PDB file of N, CA and C in Angstrom:
ATOM      1  N   UNK A   1      94.407 130.942 104.223  1.00  0.00           N
ATOM      2  CA  UNK A   1      93.307 131.306 105.091  1.00  0.00           C
ATOM      3  C   UNK A   1      93.714 130.960 106.525  1.00  0.00           C
ATOM      4  N   UNK A   2      93.574 131.907 107.435  1.00  0.00           N
ATOM      5  CA  UNK A   2      93.962 131.627 108.822  1.00  0.00           C
ATOM      6  C   UNK A   2      93.006 130.635 109.483  1.00  0.00           C
ATOM      7  N   UNK A   3      93.559 129.847 110.376  1.00  0.00           N
ATOM      8  CA  UNK A   3      92.744 128.910 111.150  1.00  0.00           C
ATOM      9  C   UNK A   3      92.038 129.658 112.261  1.00  0.00           C
ATOM     10  N   UNK A   4      90.847 129.196 112.587  1.00  0.00           N
ATOM     11  CA  UNK A   4      90.146 129.842 113.689  1.00  0.00           C
ATOM     12  C   UNK A   4      90.877 129.520 114.994  1.00  0.00           C
ATOM     13  N   UNK A   5      90.756 130.405 115.929  1.00  0.00           N
ATOM     14  CA  UNK A   5      91.383 130.206 117.225  1.00  0.00           C
ATOM     15  C   UNK A   5      90.813 128.953 117.863  1.00  0.00           C
ATOM     16  N   UNK A   6      91.684 128.099 118.349  1.00  0.00           N
ATOM     17  CA  UNK A   6      91.236 126.896 119.018  1.00  0.00           C
ATOM     18  C   UNK A   6      91.049 125.697 118.103  1.00  0.00           C
ATOM     19  N   UNK A   7      91.288 125.858 116.790  1.00  0.00           N
ATOM     20  CA  UNK A   7      91.084 124.734 115.887  1.00  0.00           C
ATOM     21  C   UNK A   7      92.018 123.581 116.210  1.00  0.00           C
ATOM     22  N   UNK A   8      93.266 123.881 116.514  1.00  0.00           N
ATOM     23  CA  UNK A   8      94.218 122.805 116.827  1.00  0.00           C
ATOM     24  C   UNK A   8      93.750 121.999 118.026  1.00  0.00           C
ATOM     25  N   UNK A   9      93.243 122.678 119.028  1.00  0.00           N
ATOM     26  CA  UNK A   9      92.749 121.972 120.216  1.00  0.00           C
ATOM     27  C   UNK A   9      91.506 121.153 119.875  1.00  0.00           C
ATOM     28  N   UNK A  10      90.635 121.702 119.044  1.00  0.00           N
ATOM     29  CA  UNK A  10      89.445 120.974 118.612  1.00  0.00           C
ATOM     30  C   UNK A  10      89.839 119.725 117.831  1.00  0.00           C
ATOM     31  N   UNK A  11      90.794 119.867 116.915  1.00  0.00           N
ATOM     32  CA  UNK A  11      91.264 118.724 116.122  1.00  0.00           C
ATOM     33  C   UNK A  11      91.887 117.667 117.032  1.00  0.00           C
ATOM     34  N   UNK A  12      92.668 118.104 117.998  1.00  0.00           N
ATOM     35  CA  UNK A  12      93.287 117.170 118.947  1.00  0.00           C
ATOM     36  C   UNK A  12      92.208 116.390 119.702  1.00  0.00           C
ATOM     37  N   UNK A  13      91.173 117.080 120.154  1.00  0.00           N
ATOM     38  CA  UNK A  13      90.086 116.412 120.879  1.00  0.00           C
ATOM     39  C   UNK A  13      89.378 115.383 120.001  1.00  0.00           C
ATOM     40  N   UNK A  14      89.139 115.728 118.736  1.00  0.00           N
ATOM     41  CA  UNK A  14      88.510 114.786 117.803  1.00  0.00           C
ATOM     42  C   UNK A  14      89.366 113.537 117.627  1.00  0.00           C
ATOM     43  N   UNK A  15      90.650 113.746 117.395  1.00  0.00           N
ATOM     44  CA  UNK A  15      91.560 112.627 117.168  1.00  0.00           C
ATOM     45  C   UNK A  15      91.668 111.736 118.401  1.00  0.00           C
ATOM     46  N   UNK A  16      91.815 112.350 119.559  1.00  0.00           N
ATOM     47  CA  UNK A  16      91.944 111.569 120.795  1.00  0.00           C
ATOM     48  C   UNK A  16      90.653 110.811 121.106  1.00  0.00           C
ATOM     49  N   UNK A  17      89.502 111.434 120.850  1.00  0.00           N
ATOM     50  CA  UNK A  17      88.223 110.753 121.063  1.00  0.00           C
ATOM     51  C   UNK A  17      88.104 109.531 120.154  1.00  0.00           C
ATOM     52  N   UNK A  18      88.440 109.711 118.885  1.00  0.00           N
ATOM     53  CA  UNK A  18      88.358 108.595 117.943  1.00  0.00           C
ATOM     54  C   UNK A  18      89.376 107.510 118.271  1.00  0.00           C
ATOM     55  N   UNK A  19      90.564 107.903 118.698  1.00  0.00           N
ATOM     56  CA  UNK A  19      91.571 106.910 119.078  1.00  0.00           C
ATOM     57  C   UNK A  19      91.093 106.097 120.278  1.00  0.00           C
ATOM     58  N   UNK A  20      90.459 106.746 121.221  1.00  0.00           N
ATOM     59  CA  UNK A  20      89.926 106.032 122.386  1.00  0.00           C
ATOM     60  C   UNK A  20      88.868 105.012 121.954  1.00  0.00           C
ATOM     61  N   UNK A  21      88.002 105.391 121.026  1.00  0.00           N
ATOM     62  CA  UNK A  21      86.983 104.461 120.517  1.00  0.00           C
ATOM     63  C   UNK A  21      87.637 103.282 119.804  1.00  0.00           C
ATOM     64  N   UNK A  22      88.696 103.555 119.068  1.00  0.00           N
ATOM     65  CA  UNK A  22      89.433 102.489 118.376  1.00  0.00           C
ATOM     66  C   UNK A  22      90.066 101.545 119.392  1.00  0.00           C
ATOM     67  N   UNK A  23      90.658 102.104 120.441  1.00  0.00           N
ATOM     68  CA  UNK A  23      91.297 101.271 121.470  1.00  0.00           C
ATOM     69  C   UNK A  23      90.292 100.349 122.158  1.00  0.00           C
ATOM     70  N   UNK A  24      89.055 100.769 122.245  1.00  0.00           N
ATOM     71  CA  UNK A  24      88.025  99.926 122.859  1.00  0.00           C
ATOM     72  C   UNK A  24      87.615  98.767 121.950  1.00  0.00           C
ATOM     73  N   UNK A  25      87.707  98.954 120.637  1.00  0.00           N
ATOM     74  CA  UNK A  25      87.301  97.932 119.675  1.00  0.00           C
ATOM     75  C   UNK A  25      88.424  96.937 119.377  1.00  0.00           C
ATOM     76  N   UNK A  26      89.652  97.389 119.409  1.00  0.00           N
ATOM     77  CA  UNK A  26      90.800  96.563 119.011  1.00  0.00           C
ATOM     78  C   UNK A  26      90.817  95.176 119.660  1.00  0.00           C
ATOM     79  N   UNK A  27      90.593  95.046 120.957  1.00  0.00           N
ATOM     80  CA  UNK A  27      90.693  93.704 121.564  1.00  0.00           C
ATOM     81  C   UNK A  27      89.740  92.670 120.970  1.00  0.00           C
ATOM     82  N   UNK A  28      88.604  93.087 120.457  1.00  0.00           N
ATOM     83  CA  UNK A  28      87.652  92.109 119.915  1.00  0.00           C
ATOM     84  C   UNK A  28      87.911  91.781 118.446  1.00  0.00           C
ATOM     85  N   UNK A  29      88.894  92.441 117.828  1.00  0.00           N
ATOM     86  CA  UNK A  29      89.190  92.197 116.420  1.00  0.00           C
ATOM     87  C   UNK A  29      90.284  91.154 116.215  1.00  0.00           C
ATOM     88  N   UNK A  30      90.852  90.642 117.293  1.00  0.00           N
ATOM     89  CA  UNK A  30      91.828  89.568 117.176  1.00  0.00           C
ATOM     90  C   UNK A  30      93.223  89.993 116.766  1.00  0.00           C
ATOM     91  N   UNK A  31      93.572  91.240 117.015  1.00  0.00           N
ATOM     92  CA  UNK A  31      94.916  91.695 116.651  1.00  0.00           C
ATOM     93  C   UNK A  31      95.911  91.358 117.756  1.00  0.00           C
ATOM     94  N   UNK A  32      97.183  91.309 117.378  1.00  0.00           N
ATOM     95  CA  UNK A  32      98.232  91.036 118.356  1.00  0.00           C
ATOM     96  C   UNK A  32      98.859  92.313 118.895  1.00  0.00           C
ATOM     97  N   UNK A  33      99.041  93.287 117.997  1.00  0.00           N
ATOM     98  CA  UNK A  33      99.732  94.511 118.410  1.00  0.00           C
ATOM     99  C   UNK A  33      99.258  95.659 117.535  1.00  0.00           C
ATOM    100  N   UNK A  34      99.192  96.855 118.136  1.00  0.00           N
ATOM    101  CA  UNK A  34      98.866  98.064 117.387  1.00  0.00           C
ATOM    102  C   UNK A  34      99.809  99.170 117.846  1.00  0.00           C
ATOM    103  N   UNK A  35     100.420  99.836 116.872  1.00  0.00           N
ATOM    104  CA  UNK A  35     101.338 100.941 117.152  1.00  0.00           C
ATOM    105  C   UNK A  35     100.791 102.195 116.479  1.00  0.00           C
ATOM    106  N   UNK A  36     100.621 103.245 117.261  1.00  0.00           N
ATOM    107  CA  UNK A  36     100.225 104.549 116.736  1.00  0.00           C
ATOM    108  C   UNK A  36     101.486 105.242 116.240  1.00  0.00           C
ATOM    109  N   UNK A  37     101.454 105.744 115.003  1.00  0.00           N
ATOM    110  CA  UNK A  37     102.623 106.407 114.430  1.00  0.00           C
ATOM    111  C   UNK A  37     102.231 107.793 113.929  1.00  0.00           C
ATOM    112  N   UNK A  38     103.159 108.455 113.305  1.00  0.00           N
ATOM    113  CA  UNK A  38     102.879 109.731 112.662  1.00  0.00           C
ATOM    114  C   UNK A  38     102.747 110.894 113.627  1.00  0.00           C
ATOM    115  N   UNK A  39     102.005 111.913 113.173  1.00  0.00           N
ATOM    116  CA  UNK A  39     101.860 113.149 113.940  1.00  0.00           C
ATOM    117  C   UNK A  39     101.274 112.924 115.326  1.00  0.00           C
ATOM    118  N   UNK A  40     100.273 112.068 115.426  1.00  0.00           N
ATOM    119  CA  UNK A  40      99.647 111.843 116.742  1.00  0.00           C
ATOM    120  C   UNK A  40     100.636 111.257 117.739  1.00  0.00           C
ATOM    121  N   UNK A  41     101.427 110.302 117.300  1.00  0.00           N
ATOM    122  CA  UNK A  41     102.414 109.694 118.197  1.00  0.00           C
ATOM    123  C   UNK A  41     103.445 110.724 118.641  1.00  0.00           C
ATOM    124  N   UNK A  42     103.712 111.697 117.763  1.00  0.00           N
ATOM    125  CA  UNK A  42     104.672 112.756 118.084  1.00  0.00           C
ATOM    126  C   UNK A  42     104.035 113.897 118.873  1.00  0.00           C
ATOM    127  N   UNK A  43     102.715 113.846 119.060  1.00  0.00           N
ATOM    128  CA  UNK A  43     102.030 114.901 119.795  1.00  0.00           C
ATOM    129  C   UNK A  43     101.790 116.151 118.975  1.00  0.00           C
ATOM    130  N   UNK A  44     101.813 116.019 117.653  1.00  0.00           N
ATOM    131  CA  UNK A  44     101.595 117.156 116.758  1.00  0.00           C
ATOM    132  C   UNK A  44     100.201 117.047 116.142  1.00  0.00           C
ATOM    133  N   UNK A  45      99.402 118.078 116.313  1.00  0.00           N
ATOM    134  CA  UNK A  45      98.028 118.067 115.815  1.00  0.00           C
ATOM    135  C   UNK A  45      97.842 119.221 114.848  1.00  0.00           C
ATOM    136  N   UNK A  46      97.715 118.883 113.568  1.00  0.00           N
ATOM    137  CA  UNK A  46      97.541 119.863 112.508  1.00  0.00           C
ATOM    138  C   UNK A  46      96.209 119.591 111.807  1.00  0.00           C
ATOM    139  N   UNK A  47      95.770 120.485 110.938  1.00  0.00           N
ATOM    140  CA  UNK A  47      94.495 120.259 110.249  1.00  0.00           C
ATOM    141  C   UNK A  47      94.435 118.944 109.472  1.00  0.00           C
ATOM    142  N   UNK A  48      95.579 118.482 108.969  1.00  0.00           N
ATOM    143  CA  UNK A  48      95.581 117.251 108.176  1.00  0.00           C
ATOM    144  C   UNK A  48      96.064 116.029 108.961  1.00  0.00           C
ATOM    145  N   UNK A  49      96.212 116.164 110.263  1.00  0.00           N
ATOM    146  CA  UNK A  49      96.639 115.026 111.077  1.00  0.00           C
ATOM    147  C   UNK A  49      95.578 113.936 111.029  1.00  0.00           C
ATOM    148  N   UNK A  50      96.038 112.712 110.853  1.00  0.00           N
ATOM    149  CA  UNK A  50      95.135 111.563 110.821  1.00  0.00           C
ATOM    150  C   UNK A  50      95.640 110.520 111.805  1.00  0.00           C
ATOM    151  N   UNK A  51      94.861 109.492 112.003  1.00  0.00           N
ATOM    152  CA  UNK A  51      95.263 108.386 112.869  1.00  0.00           C
ATOM    153  C   UNK A  51      96.007 107.383 111.996  1.00  0.00           C
ATOM    154  N   UNK A  52      97.277 107.164 112.317  1.00  0.00           N
ATOM    155  CA  UNK A  52      98.114 106.245 111.549  1.00  0.00           C
ATOM    156  C   UNK A  52      98.483 105.069 112.446  1.00  0.00           C
ATOM    157  N   UNK A  53      98.124 103.864 111.987  1.00  0.00           N
ATOM    158  CA  UNK A  53      98.317 102.670 112.800  1.00  0.00           C
ATOM    159  C   UNK A  53      99.085 101.594 112.051  1.00  0.00           C
ATOM    160  N   UNK A  54      99.981 100.938 112.757  1.00  0.00           N
ATOM    161  CA  UNK A  54     100.586  99.695 112.291  1.00  0.00           C
ATOM    162  C   UNK A  54      99.927  98.601 113.107  1.00  0.00           C
ATOM    163  N   UNK A  55      99.340  97.647 112.408  1.00  0.00           N
ATOM    164  CA  UNK A  55      98.583  96.582 113.064  1.00  0.00           C
ATOM    165  C   UNK A  55      99.227  95.240 112.746  1.00  0.00           C
ATOM    166  N   UNK A  56      99.453  94.450 113.783  1.00  0.00           N
ATOM    167  CA  UNK A  56      99.951  93.090 113.607  1.00  0.00           C
ATOM    168  C   UNK A  56      98.760  92.166 113.828  1.00  0.00           C
ATOM    169  N   UNK A  57      98.421  91.430 112.763  1.00  0.00           N
ATOM    170  CA  UNK A  57      97.195  90.624 112.769  1.00  0.00           C
ATOM    171  C   UNK A  57      97.423  89.364 111.939  1.00  0.00           C
ATOM    172  N   UNK A  58      97.098  88.227 112.501  1.00  0.00           N
ATOM    173  CA  UNK A  58      97.242  86.961 111.785  1.00  0.00           C
ATOM    174  C   UNK A  58      96.089  86.831 110.796  1.00  0.00           C
ATOM    175  N   UNK A  59      96.404  86.926 109.518  1.00  0.00           N
ATOM    176  CA  UNK A  59      95.383  86.925 108.477  1.00  0.00           C
ATOM    177  C   UNK A  59      95.892  86.229 107.229  1.00  0.00           C
ATOM    178  N   UNK A  60      94.968  85.749 106.432  1.00  0.00           N
ATOM    179  CA  UNK A  60      95.300  85.113 105.155  1.00  0.00           C
ATOM    180  C   UNK A  60      95.159  86.097 103.986  1.00  0.00           C
ATOM    181  N   UNK A  61      94.584  87.280 104.237  1.00  0.00           N
ATOM    182  CA  UNK A  61      94.394  88.254 103.169  1.00  0.00           C
ATOM    183  C   UNK A  61      95.736  88.742 102.631  1.00  0.00           C
ATOM    184  N   UNK A  62      95.742  89.137 101.357  1.00  0.00           N
ATOM    185  CA  UNK A  62      96.947  89.717 100.768  1.00  0.00           C
ATOM    186  C   UNK A  62      97.205  91.076 101.422  1.00  0.00           C
ATOM    187  N   UNK A  63      98.444  91.540 101.336  1.00  0.00           N
ATOM    188  CA  UNK A  63      98.829  92.788 101.982  1.00  0.00           C
ATOM    189  C   UNK A  63      97.906  93.934 101.561  1.00  0.00           C
ATOM    190  N   UNK A  64      97.594  94.004 100.287  1.00  0.00           N
ATOM    191  CA  UNK A  64      96.759  95.089  99.777  1.00  0.00           C
ATOM    192  C   UNK A  64      95.316  95.064 100.256  1.00  0.00           C
ATOM    193  N   UNK A  65      94.831  93.925 100.693  1.00  0.00           N
ATOM    194  CA  UNK A  65      93.434  93.786 101.129  1.00  0.00           C
ATOM    195  C   UNK A  65      93.249  93.891 102.643  1.00  0.00           C
ATOM    196  N   UNK A  66      94.303  93.794 103.385  1.00  0.00           N
ATOM    197  CA  UNK A  66      94.188  93.727 104.852  1.00  0.00           C
ATOM    198  C   UNK A  66      93.598  94.979 105.474  1.00  0.00           C
ATOM    199  N   UNK A  67      93.960  96.126 104.960  1.00  0.00           N
ATOM    200  CA  UNK A  67      93.479  97.382 105.536  1.00  0.00           C
ATOM    201  C   UNK A  67      91.965  97.533 105.390  1.00  0.00           C
ATOM    202  N   UNK A  68      91.389  96.887 104.376  1.00  0.00           N
ATOM    203  CA  UNK A  68      89.940  96.985 104.157  1.00  0.00           C
ATOM    204  C   UNK A  68      89.155  96.533 105.385  1.00  0.00           C
ATOM    205  N   UNK A  69      89.580  95.439 105.988  1.00  0.00           N
ATOM    206  CA  UNK A  69      88.905  94.913 107.176  1.00  0.00           C
ATOM    207  C   UNK A  69      88.872  95.965 108.284  1.00  0.00           C
ATOM    208  N   UNK A  70      90.010  96.611 108.512  1.00  0.00           N
ATOM    209  CA  UNK A  70      90.092  97.585 109.602  1.00  0.00           C
ATOM    210  C   UNK A  70      89.414  98.900 109.240  1.00  0.00           C
ATOM    211  N   UNK A  71      89.436  99.275 107.973  1.00  0.00           N
ATOM    212  CA  UNK A  71      88.711 100.477 107.557  1.00  0.00           C
ATOM    213  C   UNK A  71      87.227 100.334 107.861  1.00  0.00           C
ATOM    214  N   UNK A  72      86.722  99.137 107.708  1.00  0.00           N
ATOM    215  CA  UNK A  72      85.308  98.870 107.958  1.00  0.00           C
ATOM    216  C   UNK A  72      84.991  98.789 109.456  1.00  0.00           C
ATOM    217  N   UNK A  73      85.887  98.204 110.243  1.00  0.00           N
ATOM    218  CA  UNK A  73      85.584  97.913 111.646  1.00  0.00           C
ATOM    219  C   UNK A  73      86.065  98.956 112.663  1.00  0.00           C
ATOM    220  N   UNK A  74      86.977  99.822 112.288  1.00  0.00           N
ATOM    221  CA  UNK A  74      87.471 100.817 113.247  1.00  0.00           C
ATOM    222  C   UNK A  74      86.624 102.082 113.171  1.00  0.00           C
ATOM    223  N   UNK A  75      86.004 102.473 114.285  1.00  0.00           N
ATOM    224  CA  UNK A  75      85.142 103.659 114.277  1.00  0.00           C
ATOM    225  C   UNK A  75      85.972 104.942 114.274  1.00  0.00           C
ATOM    226  N   UNK A  76      85.665 105.848 113.354  1.00  0.00           N
ATOM    227  CA  UNK A  76      86.384 107.112 113.342  1.00  0.00           C
ATOM    228  C   UNK A  76      85.679 108.121 112.445  1.00  0.00           C
ATOM    229  N   UNK A  77      85.711 109.370 112.880  1.00  0.00           N
ATOM    230  CA  UNK A  77      85.184 110.455 112.059  1.00  0.00           C
ATOM    231  C   UNK A  77      86.319 111.169 111.330  1.00  0.00           C
ATOM    232  N   UNK A  78      87.558 110.742 111.578  1.00  0.00           N
ATOM    233  CA  UNK A  78      88.733 111.304 110.910  1.00  0.00           C
ATOM    234  C   UNK A  78      89.393 110.207 110.075  1.00  0.00           C
ATOM    235  N   UNK A  79      90.305 110.614 109.207  1.00  0.00           N
ATOM    236  CA  UNK A  79      91.005 109.641 108.366  1.00  0.00           C
ATOM    237  C   UNK A  79      91.871 108.715 109.206  1.00  0.00           C
ATOM    238  N   UNK A  80      91.871 107.442 108.804  1.00  0.00           N
ATOM    239  CA  UNK A  80      92.733 106.442 109.435  1.00  0.00           C
ATOM    240  C   UNK A  80      93.559 105.789 108.334  1.00  0.00           C
ATOM    241  N   UNK A  81      94.865 105.724 108.537  1.00  0.00           N
ATOM    242  CA  UNK A  81      95.748 104.952 107.664  1.00  0.00           C
ATOM    243  C   UNK A  81      96.227 103.749 108.444  1.00  0.00           C
ATOM    244  N   UNK A  82      96.104 102.566 107.848  1.00  0.00           N
ATOM    245  CA  UNK A  82      96.569 101.356 108.517  1.00  0.00           C
ATOM    246  C   UNK A  82      97.519 100.593 107.610  1.00  0.00           C
ATOM    247  N   UNK A  83      98.578 100.095 108.204  1.00  0.00           N
ATOM    248  CA  UNK A  83      99.459  99.123 107.571  1.00  0.00           C
ATOM    249  C   UNK A  83      99.322  97.864 108.401  1.00  0.00           C
ATOM    250  N   UNK A  84      98.950  96.772 107.752  1.00  0.00           N
ATOM    251  CA  UNK A  84      98.672  95.537 108.476  1.00  0.00           C
ATOM    252  C   UNK A  84      99.690  94.480 108.070  1.00  0.00           C
ATOM    253  N   UNK A  85     100.399  93.967 109.072  1.00  0.00           N
ATOM    254  CA  UNK A  85     101.401  92.921 108.866  1.00  0.00           C
ATOM    255  C   UNK A  85     100.992  91.672 109.633  1.00  0.00           C
ATOM    256  N   UNK A  86     101.321  90.507 109.078  1.00  0.00           N
ATOM    257  CA  UNK A  86     101.161  89.278 109.851  1.00  0.00           C
ATOM    258  C   UNK A  86     102.266  89.267 110.903  1.00  0.00           C
ATOM    259  N   UNK A  87     102.144  88.466 111.958  1.00  0.00           N
ATOM    260  CA  UNK A  87     103.207  88.405 112.970  1.00  0.00           C
ATOM    261  C   UNK A  87     104.567  88.040 112.370  1.00  0.00           C
ATOM    262  N   UNK A  88     104.580  87.098 111.435  1.00  0.00           N
ATOM    263  CA  UNK A  88     105.842  86.695 110.803  1.00  0.00           C
ATOM    264  C   UNK A  88     106.435  87.841 109.997  1.00  0.00           C
ATOM    265  N   UNK A  89     105.610  88.515 109.196  1.00  0.00           N
ATOM    266  CA  UNK A  89     106.092  89.658 108.413  1.00  0.00           C
ATOM    267  C   UNK A  89     106.631  90.752 109.322  1.00  0.00           C
ATOM    268  N   UNK A  90     105.913  91.035 110.379  1.00  0.00           N
ATOM    269  CA  UNK A  90     106.329  92.098 111.290  1.00  0.00           C
ATOM    270  C   UNK A  90     107.690  91.776 111.901  1.00  0.00           C
ATOM    271  N   UNK A  91     107.859  90.550 112.386  1.00  0.00           N
ATOM    272  CA  UNK A  91     109.138  90.159 112.990  1.00  0.00           C
ATOM    273  C   UNK A  91     110.281  90.221 111.987  1.00  0.00           C
ATOM    274  N   UNK A  92     110.018  89.828 110.746  1.00  0.00           N
ATOM    275  CA  UNK A  92     111.055  89.837 109.716  1.00  0.00           C
ATOM    276  C   UNK A  92     111.369  91.244 109.224  1.00  0.00           C
ATOM    277  N   UNK A  93     110.374  92.105 109.153  1.00  0.00           N
ATOM    278  CA  UNK A  93     110.541  93.402 108.504  1.00  0.00           C
ATOM    279  C   UNK A  93     110.803  94.580 109.439  1.00  0.00           C
ATOM    280  N   UNK A  94     110.590  94.406 110.736  1.00  0.00           N
ATOM    281  CA  UNK A  94     110.688  95.571 111.626  1.00  0.00           C
ATOM    282  C   UNK A  94     112.085  96.173 111.684  1.00  0.00           C
ATOM    283  N   UNK A  95     113.100  95.411 111.323  1.00  0.00           N
ATOM    284  CA  UNK A  95     114.454  95.963 111.274  1.00  0.00           C
ATOM    285  C   UNK A  95     114.903  96.248 109.843  1.00  0.00           C
ATOM    286  N   UNK A  96     114.274  95.602 108.868  1.00  0.00           N
ATOM    287  CA  UNK A  96     114.690  95.743 107.468  1.00  0.00           C
ATOM    288  C   UNK A  96     114.089  96.966 106.787  1.00  0.00           C
ATOM    289  N   UNK A  97     112.848  97.277 107.100  1.00  0.00           N
ATOM    290  CA  UNK A  97     112.181  98.432 106.491  1.00  0.00           C
ATOM    291  C   UNK A  97     112.414  99.666 107.357  1.00  0.00           C
ATOM    292  N   UNK A  98     113.126 100.665 106.837  1.00  0.00           N
ATOM    293  CA  UNK A  98     113.431 101.848 107.649  1.00  0.00           C
ATOM    294  C   UNK A  98     112.193 102.527 108.242  1.00  0.00           C
ATOM    295  N   UNK A  99     111.123 102.645 107.472  1.00  0.00           N
ATOM    296  CA  UNK A  99     109.912 103.306 107.986  1.00  0.00           C
ATOM    297  C   UNK A  99     109.284 102.502 109.119  1.00  0.00           C
ATOM    298  N   UNK A 100     109.304 101.187 109.012  1.00  0.00           N
ATOM    299  CA  UNK A 100     108.743 100.337 110.062  1.00  0.00           C
ATOM    300  C   UNK A 100     109.625 100.365 111.306  1.00  0.00           C
ATOM    301  N   UNK A 101     110.936 100.357 111.103  1.00  0.00           N
ATOM    302  CA  UNK A 101     111.863 100.443 112.239  1.00  0.00           C
ATOM    303  C   UNK A 101     111.667 101.762 112.986  1.00  0.00           C
ATOM    304  N   UNK A 102     111.502 102.853 112.237  1.00  0.00           N
ATOM    305  CA  UNK A 102     111.270 104.165 112.859  1.00  0.00           C
ATOM    306  C   UNK A 102     109.952 104.173 113.621  1.00  0.00           C
ATOM    307  N   UNK A 103     108.919 103.596 113.032  1.00  0.00           N
ATOM    308  CA  UNK A 103     107.613 103.535 113.700  1.00  0.00           C
ATOM    309  C   UNK A 103     107.702 102.747 114.999  1.00  0.00           C
ATOM    310  N   UNK A 104     108.467 101.673 115.002  1.00  0.00           N
ATOM    311  CA  UNK A 104     108.632 100.871 116.222  1.00  0.00           C
ATOM    312  C   UNK A 104     109.400 101.646 117.291  1.00  0.00           C
ATOM    313  N   UNK A 105     110.368 102.446 116.868  1.00  0.00           N
ATOM    314  CA  UNK A 105     111.166 103.238 117.817  1.00  0.00           C
ATOM    315  C   UNK A 105     110.389 104.429 118.366  1.00  0.00           C
ATOM    316  N   UNK A 106     109.715 105.143 117.465  1.00  0.00           N
ATOM    317  CA  UNK A 106     109.123 106.429 117.825  1.00  0.00           C
ATOM    318  C   UNK A 106     107.613 106.379 118.039  1.00  0.00           C
ATOM    319  N   UNK A 107     106.989 105.293 117.621  1.00  0.00           N
ATOM    320  CA  UNK A 107     105.541 105.178 117.760  1.00  0.00           C
ATOM    321  C   UNK A 107     105.133 104.864 119.187  1.00  0.00           C
ATOM    322  N   UNK A 108     103.834 104.878 119.394  1.00  0.00           N
ATOM    323  CA  UNK A 108     103.269 104.602 120.716  1.00  0.00           C
ATOM    324  C   UNK A 108     102.447 103.317 120.634  1.00  0.00           C
ATOM    325  N   UNK A 109     102.889 102.292 121.332  1.00  0.00           N
ATOM    326  CA  UNK A 109     102.158 101.029 121.330  1.00  0.00           C
ATOM    327  C   UNK A 109     100.873 101.216 122.127  1.00  0.00           C
ATOM    328  N   UNK A 110      99.738 101.003 121.462  1.00  0.00           N
ATOM    329  CA  UNK A 110      98.458 101.212 122.143  1.00  0.00           C
ATOM    330  C   UNK A 110      97.759  99.900 122.468  1.00  0.00           C
ATOM    331  N   UNK A 111      98.287  98.798 121.934  1.00  0.00           N
ATOM    332  CA  UNK A 111      97.721  97.486 122.258  1.00  0.00           C
ATOM    333  C   UNK A 111      98.782  96.426 122.017  1.00  0.00           C
ATOM    334  N   UNK A 112      98.866  95.466 122.948  1.00  0.00           N
ATOM    335  CA  UNK A 112      99.786  94.345 122.783  1.00  0.00           C
ATOM    336  C   UNK A 112      99.176  93.125 123.451  1.00  0.00           C
ATOM    337  N   UNK A 113      98.830  92.148 122.645  1.00  0.00           N
ATOM    338  CA  UNK A 113      98.236  90.916 123.143  1.00  0.00           C
ATOM    339  C   UNK A 113      99.207  89.746 123.000  1.00  0.00           C
ATOM    340  N   UNK A 114     100.472  90.057 122.778  1.00  0.00           N
ATOM    341  CA  UNK A 114     101.475  88.997 122.574  1.00  0.00           C
ATOM    342  C   UNK A 114     101.936  88.403 123.890  1.00  0.00           C
TER     343      UNK A 114
END
């Protein structure tokens, strides 16, 4: 099914609006760093583009539970994927995990409180 004319621009506006709202909330959530990755960081806006974030946050929650906090607190009308690392994990893994290393190289840092 063909996309309506202007859908890509509409999707881009939705994503950018939601990202701006997220950027306003991030400082009060106690995070150290946030990196935007994926299609948005590359400037590609497709129907399935979502907001993909790597978040560095000092937390006691297990890796699998950390994203729940941000899913609840980050305002968005579009899908958000978050990977949450503690500062120690991030420092240890940013060169060891190829996907994380790529995100650090190619992503867009949208917050840094370090």
